[in-house]
């Protein structure tokens, strides 16, 4: 599985009820083999995924492609990845905590 496939699977688990009131852009920058740059836009109870880079996202996530795939598949705990320096987040940390609920639970 590559990052794009993992991101598509993630967006298929989108929970609109948990995203109520969220209007945000998240930039995912997954480095390494099978990685890429992706934009997740959460707006009006929907989530869209596009490839690329956007200026001024609410949150930017820098992570190794393998670690991101492992987080999305449940093999790597996002909190542990963050604490261990495998997941670097700039911007709205509260949004990223909610991001996990919106897409991963």
Protein backbone atom coordinates (compact mmCIF):
# COMPACT_ATOMS: atom_id res chain seq x y z
CA UNK A 1 0.00 0.00 0.00
CA UNK A 2 1.25 3.51 -0.76
CA UNK A 3 0.30 6.81 0.85
CA UNK A 4 -2.32 7.65 -1.79
CA UNK A 5 -4.10 4.33 -1.25
CA UNK A 6 -3.93 4.80 2.53
CA UNK A 7 -5.30 8.36 2.21
CA UNK A 8 -8.16 7.15 0.00
CA UNK A 9 -9.02 4.47 2.54
CA UNK A 10 -8.85 7.09 5.31
CA UNK A 11 -11.23 9.48 3.55
CA UNK A 12 -13.66 6.60 2.95
CA UNK A 13 -13.96 6.35 6.77
CA UNK A 14 -14.90 10.04 7.08
CA UNK A 15 -17.46 10.59 9.84
CA UNK A 16 -19.53 13.73 9.05
CA UNK A 17 -21.10 13.79 12.53
CA UNK A 18 -17.67 14.11 14.17
CA UNK A 19 -16.67 16.78 11.63
CA UNK A 20 -19.61 19.05 12.45
CA UNK A 21 -18.44 22.65 12.61
CA UNK A 22 -14.99 21.90 11.17
CA UNK A 23 -13.84 24.01 8.25
CA UNK A 24 -10.16 23.30 7.82
CA UNK A 25 -7.35 22.36 5.47
CA UNK A 26 -4.72 19.79 6.43
CA UNK A 27 -1.50 19.43 4.43
CA UNK A 28 0.05 15.96 4.60
CA UNK A 29 3.69 15.74 3.47
CA UNK A 30 4.72 12.08 3.47
CA UNK A 31 8.38 11.62 2.55
CA UNK A 32 10.06 8.54 1.15
CA UNK A 33 9.09 5.54 -0.92
CA UNK A 34 5.41 5.63 -1.93
CA UNK A 35 4.93 9.04 -0.33
CA UNK A 36 3.62 12.33 -1.63
CA UNK A 37 1.98 15.60 -0.71
CA UNK A 38 -1.78 15.63 -0.10
CA UNK A 39 -4.39 18.15 0.92
CA UNK A 40 -7.40 17.13 3.01
CA UNK A 41 -10.15 19.77 2.99
CA UNK A 42 -12.91 19.39 5.58
CA UNK A 43 -15.83 21.70 4.87
CA UNK A 44 -19.62 21.62 5.06
CA UNK A 45 -19.73 18.08 6.42
CA UNK A 46 -17.58 16.64 3.64
CA UNK A 47 -13.94 15.74 3.11
CA UNK A 48 -12.01 16.02 -0.13
CA UNK A 49 -8.56 14.66 -0.89
CA UNK A 50 -6.32 16.19 -3.55
CA UNK A 51 -2.69 15.72 -4.41
CA UNK A 52 -0.41 18.74 -4.07
CA UNK A 53 0.59 21.56 -1.77
CA UNK A 54 -1.58 24.43 -0.57
CA UNK A 55 -0.54 27.75 0.93
CA UNK A 56 -1.51 28.48 4.54
CA UNK A 57 -3.15 25.22 5.66
CA UNK A 58 -4.57 25.07 9.18
CA UNK A 59 -2.19 22.19 9.91
CA UNK A 60 0.87 20.73 8.20
CA UNK A 61 1.91 17.15 8.94
CA UNK A 62 5.43 15.98 8.07
CA UNK A 63 5.93 12.24 8.34
CA UNK A 64 7.70 9.34 6.67
CA UNK A 65 5.42 7.58 4.19
CA UNK A 66 5.77 4.22 5.98
CA UNK A 67 4.91 5.77 9.37
CA UNK A 68 1.81 7.51 7.93
CA UNK A 69 0.63 4.24 6.37
CA UNK A 70 1.26 2.44 9.67
CA UNK A 71 -0.76 5.09 11.56
CA UNK A 72 -3.68 4.87 9.15
CA UNK A 73 -3.69 1.06 9.34
CA UNK A 74 -3.61 1.12 13.15
CA UNK A 75 -0.13 -0.40 13.45
CA UNK A 76 1.41 2.81 14.86
CA UNK A 77 -0.27 4.93 17.51
CA UNK A 78 -0.37 8.58 16.34
CA UNK A 79 0.32 9.92 19.84
CA UNK A 80 3.36 7.68 20.22
CA UNK A 81 4.56 8.69 16.74
CA UNK A 82 4.23 12.36 17.70
CA UNK A 83 5.98 11.90 21.04
CA UNK A 84 8.75 9.88 19.37
CA UNK A 85 9.40 12.53 16.73
CA UNK A 86 8.13 10.43 13.83
CA UNK A 87 5.17 12.77 13.31
CA UNK A 88 5.82 16.51 13.10
CA UNK A 89 2.80 18.79 13.23
CA UNK A 90 2.76 22.55 12.77
CA UNK A 91 -0.39 24.60 13.18
CA UNK A 92 -3.57 23.69 15.03
CA UNK A 93 -2.76 20.68 17.24
CA UNK A 94 -6.35 20.56 18.49
CA UNK A 95 -7.54 20.08 14.93
CA UNK A 96 -5.19 17.11 14.52
CA UNK A 97 -6.59 15.50 17.67
CA UNK A 98 -10.04 15.90 16.14
CA UNK A 99 -8.74 14.71 12.74
CA UNK A 100 -8.02 11.35 14.33
CA UNK A 101 -11.64 11.08 15.55
CA UNK A 102 -13.06 12.26 12.20
CA UNK A 103 -11.17 9.72 10.10
CA UNK A 104 -9.79 6.93 12.26
CA UNK A 105 -12.47 5.87 14.68
